[in-house]
Protein backbone atom coordinates (compact mmCIF):
# COMPACT_ATOMS: atom_id res chain seq x y z
CA MET A 1 54.67 5.36 -64.93
CA ASN A 2 57.30 3.73 -67.07
CA GLU A 3 60.80 5.00 -67.77
CA LYS A 4 59.82 6.75 -71.02
CA GLU A 5 56.98 8.64 -69.34
CA VAL A 6 59.19 9.72 -66.46
CA LYS A 7 61.89 10.98 -68.81
CA SER A 8 59.29 13.02 -70.68
CA ILE A 9 58.21 14.69 -67.42
CA LEU A 10 61.83 15.33 -66.42
CA LEU A 11 62.57 16.99 -69.76
CA ASN A 12 59.36 18.84 -70.53
CA GLU A 13 57.93 19.70 -67.11
CA LEU A 14 60.87 19.85 -64.71
CA GLY A 15 63.55 21.23 -67.02
CA PHE A 16 66.17 18.50 -66.82
CA SER A 17 68.69 18.60 -69.67
CA GLN A 18 69.55 15.71 -71.99
CA ASP A 19 72.93 15.49 -70.28
CA ALA A 20 71.19 15.20 -66.90
CA LEU A 21 69.01 12.38 -68.26
CA TYR A 22 72.13 10.62 -69.53
CA LYS A 23 73.63 10.82 -66.03
CA LEU A 24 70.38 9.61 -64.45
CA ASP A 25 70.49 6.61 -66.80
CA ILE A 26 73.94 5.69 -65.54
CA PHE A 27 72.98 6.40 -61.94
CA SER A 28 69.87 4.20 -62.07
CA LYS A 29 71.80 1.29 -63.56
CA GLU A 30 74.53 1.63 -60.91
CA VAL A 31 71.95 1.66 -58.10
CA ILE A 32 70.33 -1.50 -59.45
CA GLU A 33 73.66 -3.27 -59.88
CA TYR A 34 74.96 -2.21 -56.45
CA ASN A 35 71.67 -3.24 -54.90
CA LYS A 36 72.35 -6.87 -55.78
CA LYS A 37 75.00 -6.94 -53.03
CA PHE A 38 74.01 -4.10 -50.72
CA ASN A 39 70.66 -2.82 -49.56
CA LEU A 40 70.45 0.63 -51.15
CA ILE A 41 66.74 0.57 -52.04
CA SER A 42 63.95 -1.91 -51.41
CA LYS A 43 64.21 -4.78 -53.86
CA THR A 44 60.46 -4.50 -54.47
CA THR A 45 60.98 -1.03 -55.99
CA VAL A 46 63.90 -1.84 -58.29
CA GLY A 47 61.56 -2.34 -61.26
CA SER A 48 59.96 1.05 -60.69
CA ILE A 49 63.12 3.01 -59.90
CA TRP A 50 62.32 5.76 -62.40
CA ASP A 51 59.04 6.83 -60.85
CA ARG A 52 59.36 5.56 -57.25
CA HIS A 53 62.84 7.01 -56.70
CA ILE A 54 64.09 9.27 -59.50
CA LEU A 55 60.92 11.24 -60.31
CA ASP A 56 59.90 11.28 -56.65
CA SER A 57 63.23 12.99 -55.90
CA ALA A 58 63.31 15.20 -58.99
CA GLN A 59 60.00 16.92 -58.27
CA LEU A 60 61.63 18.73 -55.32
CA ILE A 61 63.42 21.13 -57.68
CA LYS A 62 60.18 23.12 -57.79
CA PHE A 63 60.75 24.19 -54.19
CA ILE A 64 64.48 24.98 -54.32
CA ASN A 65 66.27 28.12 -55.49
CA PHE A 66 69.56 27.05 -57.06
CA ASN A 67 71.13 30.47 -56.58
CA ASP A 68 74.73 31.54 -55.91
CA GLY A 69 75.87 31.10 -52.35
CA LEU A 70 72.95 28.92 -51.25
CA SER A 71 73.19 25.30 -50.19
CA LEU A 72 71.15 22.15 -49.77
CA SER A 73 71.61 19.33 -47.27
CA ASP A 74 70.07 15.88 -47.74
CA LEU A 75 69.79 14.11 -44.39
CA GLY A 76 69.86 10.32 -44.55
CA THR A 77 70.36 10.37 -48.30
CA GLY A 78 70.88 6.59 -48.59
CA ALA A 79 71.45 5.72 -52.25
CA GLY A 80 71.28 9.42 -53.16
CA PHE A 81 67.54 10.04 -53.19
CA PRO A 82 66.84 12.87 -53.44
CA GLY A 83 70.35 14.36 -53.10
CA ILE A 84 72.16 12.88 -56.10
CA VAL A 85 69.18 13.52 -58.38
CA LEU A 86 69.13 17.17 -57.30
CA ALA A 87 72.91 17.43 -57.72
CA ILE A 88 72.58 16.08 -61.27
CA PHE A 89 69.97 18.75 -62.01
CA ASN A 90 72.00 21.58 -60.47
CA LYS A 91 73.99 23.59 -63.02
CA ASN A 92 75.28 26.26 -60.63
CA THR A 93 78.79 25.59 -59.31
CA LYS A 94 78.15 28.19 -56.60
CA PHE A 95 75.18 26.25 -55.23
CA HIS A 96 76.34 23.54 -52.82
CA VAL A 97 74.80 20.09 -52.37
CA LYS A 98 75.70 18.20 -49.18
CA LEU A 99 74.79 14.55 -48.61
CA TYR A 100 74.69 12.96 -45.14
CA ASP A 101 74.49 9.25 -44.36
CA LYS A 102 75.87 7.17 -41.51
CA SER A 103 76.41 4.06 -43.65
CA ARG A 104 79.97 3.60 -44.93
CA VAL A 105 78.68 1.38 -47.74
CA LYS A 106 76.30 4.08 -48.94
CA THR A 107 78.74 6.98 -48.66
CA LYS A 108 81.31 5.02 -50.68
CA PHE A 109 78.67 4.42 -53.34
CA LEU A 110 77.71 8.10 -53.35
CA GLN A 111 81.32 9.20 -53.75
CA SER A 112 81.82 6.76 -56.62
CA MET A 113 78.75 8.23 -58.33
CA CYS A 114 79.98 11.80 -57.90
CA ASP A 115 83.33 10.83 -59.37
CA LYS A 116 81.88 8.82 -62.24
CA LEU A 117 79.22 11.35 -63.21
CA LYS A 118 81.41 14.39 -62.50
CA ILE A 119 78.79 16.01 -60.33
CA LYS A 120 79.54 18.36 -57.46
CA ALA A 121 78.39 17.21 -54.02
CA GLN A 122 80.02 16.94 -50.62
CA ILE A 123 79.64 13.58 -48.88
CA TYR A 124 79.47 13.41 -45.07
CA GLU A 125 79.80 10.06 -43.31
CA ASN A 126 78.71 9.09 -39.77
CA ASP A 127 75.67 10.29 -37.90
CA TYR A 128 74.44 13.76 -38.90
CA LYS A 129 74.87 14.83 -35.25
CA LYS A 130 78.64 14.68 -35.72
CA HIS A 131 78.54 17.48 -38.31
CA ASP A 132 77.71 21.15 -38.38
CA ILE A 133 74.71 21.50 -40.68
CA ASP A 134 74.39 24.91 -42.27
CA ALA A 135 72.06 24.99 -45.26
CA ASN A 136 69.27 27.04 -46.79
CA PHE A 137 67.34 23.96 -47.88
CA ILE A 138 67.05 20.71 -45.93
CA VAL A 139 65.60 17.78 -47.87
CA SER A 140 64.86 14.26 -46.80
CA ARG A 141 63.06 11.12 -47.82
CA ALA A 142 62.36 8.22 -45.44
CA PHE A 143 64.67 9.68 -42.80
CA LYS A 144 62.87 10.59 -39.56
CA LYS A 145 59.41 11.39 -38.28
CA LEU A 146 58.39 14.99 -38.90
CA GLU A 147 58.65 15.90 -35.21
CA GLU A 148 62.28 14.75 -35.22
CA HIS A 149 62.97 16.85 -38.33
CA ILE A 150 61.67 19.89 -36.50
CA ARG A 151 63.82 19.14 -33.47
CA ILE A 152 66.93 18.83 -35.65
CA SER A 153 66.09 22.11 -37.36
CA ARG A 154 65.58 23.91 -34.08
CA GLU A 155 68.66 22.54 -32.32
CA MET A 156 71.28 21.98 -35.03
CA ILE A 157 70.69 24.37 -37.93
CA LYS A 158 71.63 27.93 -37.11
CA VAL A 159 70.17 29.83 -40.08
CA SER A 160 66.64 30.26 -41.37
CA HIS A 161 65.90 27.52 -43.85
CA ARG A 162 63.25 25.57 -45.73
CA LEU A 163 62.52 21.97 -44.82
CA ILE A 164 61.34 19.89 -47.79
CA ILE A 165 60.19 16.45 -46.74
CA LEU A 166 58.68 13.67 -48.82
CA LYS A 167 55.98 11.87 -46.84
CA GLY A 168 53.26 9.28 -47.38
CA LYS A 169 49.60 9.44 -46.40
CA SER A 170 50.50 10.22 -42.75
CA ALA A 171 51.74 13.71 -43.68
CA GLN A 172 48.70 15.66 -42.51
CA GLU A 173 48.49 13.79 -39.23
CA GLU A 174 52.18 14.34 -38.50
CA VAL A 175 51.80 18.06 -39.13
CA LYS A 176 48.81 18.27 -36.75
CA LYS A 177 50.86 16.70 -33.97
CA LEU A 178 53.59 19.34 -34.10
CA ASN A 179 54.08 21.65 -31.14
CA ASN A 180 53.63 25.36 -31.77
CA ASP A 181 56.46 26.46 -29.50
CA PHE A 182 58.66 27.97 -32.20
CA ASN A 183 58.27 30.06 -35.31
CA TYR A 184 57.36 28.16 -38.49
CA SER A 185 54.82 28.02 -41.29
CA TYR A 186 54.03 25.04 -43.49
CA SER A 187 52.25 23.91 -46.63
CA LEU A 188 51.41 20.54 -48.12
CA LYS A 189 52.01 19.90 -51.81
CA LYS A 190 50.74 16.97 -53.85
CA SER A 191 53.34 14.48 -55.02
CA ILE A 192 53.31 13.78 -58.75
CA THR A 193 54.23 10.14 -58.17
CA SER A 194 51.46 9.06 -55.78
CA PRO A 195 48.02 10.48 -54.92
CA GLU A 196 48.52 9.48 -51.28
CA SER A 197 51.95 11.06 -50.87
CA LYS A 198 52.66 14.65 -49.93
CA ILE A 199 55.59 17.04 -49.88
CA ILE A 200 55.76 18.98 -46.64
CA ILE A 201 57.29 22.44 -46.95
CA ILE A 202 58.17 24.12 -43.66
CA GLU A 203 59.75 27.54 -43.34
CA ILE A 204 61.97 27.66 -40.26
CA ASN A 205 62.75 31.20 -39.13
CA LYS A 206 65.65 31.84 -36.77
C-alpha cells in the first residue's frame, strides 16, 4: 500500500481526523530524518513507513476503549510504534498513554515528538522492570516473545488488562506453547497490513 491508500484507510475506516493525519505526516518525516543518524526503524522499511509502521500500529485502535480513567502502556515502543500513533489518535485527555523504552536516544526522540506535535503521552526511560506498570491495555510490537509478555503480565501488572500484541506468522505457534497455569482467554485477529501477520488479544484476569 502506498501513502495515499493508507491515509484513506486511516480516515475512512479507522476514524482518524485530518488533524491526526497532519501530525502523522510530521511524525513520519521526523522518524525518517532521525533514522539517518540513529537506528529507530529498519532502513529496509523506511520506504514503506506508512503501511509497515503507521497503519500496522493504527489498526490497534479497534481493540482499545479510549474511555475516561483508562490507560495504555506500550512496552518497548522504540520510535513510537504503536504508542505515538495511538496517542495521536486519542482525543480524550482523561485517557493516558504511557511509553516505555530503555534507549535514551529513543526516549529523547519520543519526548521531542510529544512536544512538537502537542500530544499527551508519558515517557518512561530505562528497563520496564524499573517502573510500576499499571494499565488497562498493554500493547507491543517487536518487543518480546509471547511467553515473556505473559510472564510480565502475571508478575508486574496488578490489575486485569488486555494484552494487544502484533505478531508475524509465528503467532499461532507461540499461543499453543503457552502454559495454562493462570486465568486468560485469547483470540487471533487478522492484520490489515500483512496476510501472514496476526494481532494477539489476550484478556488477563487478576
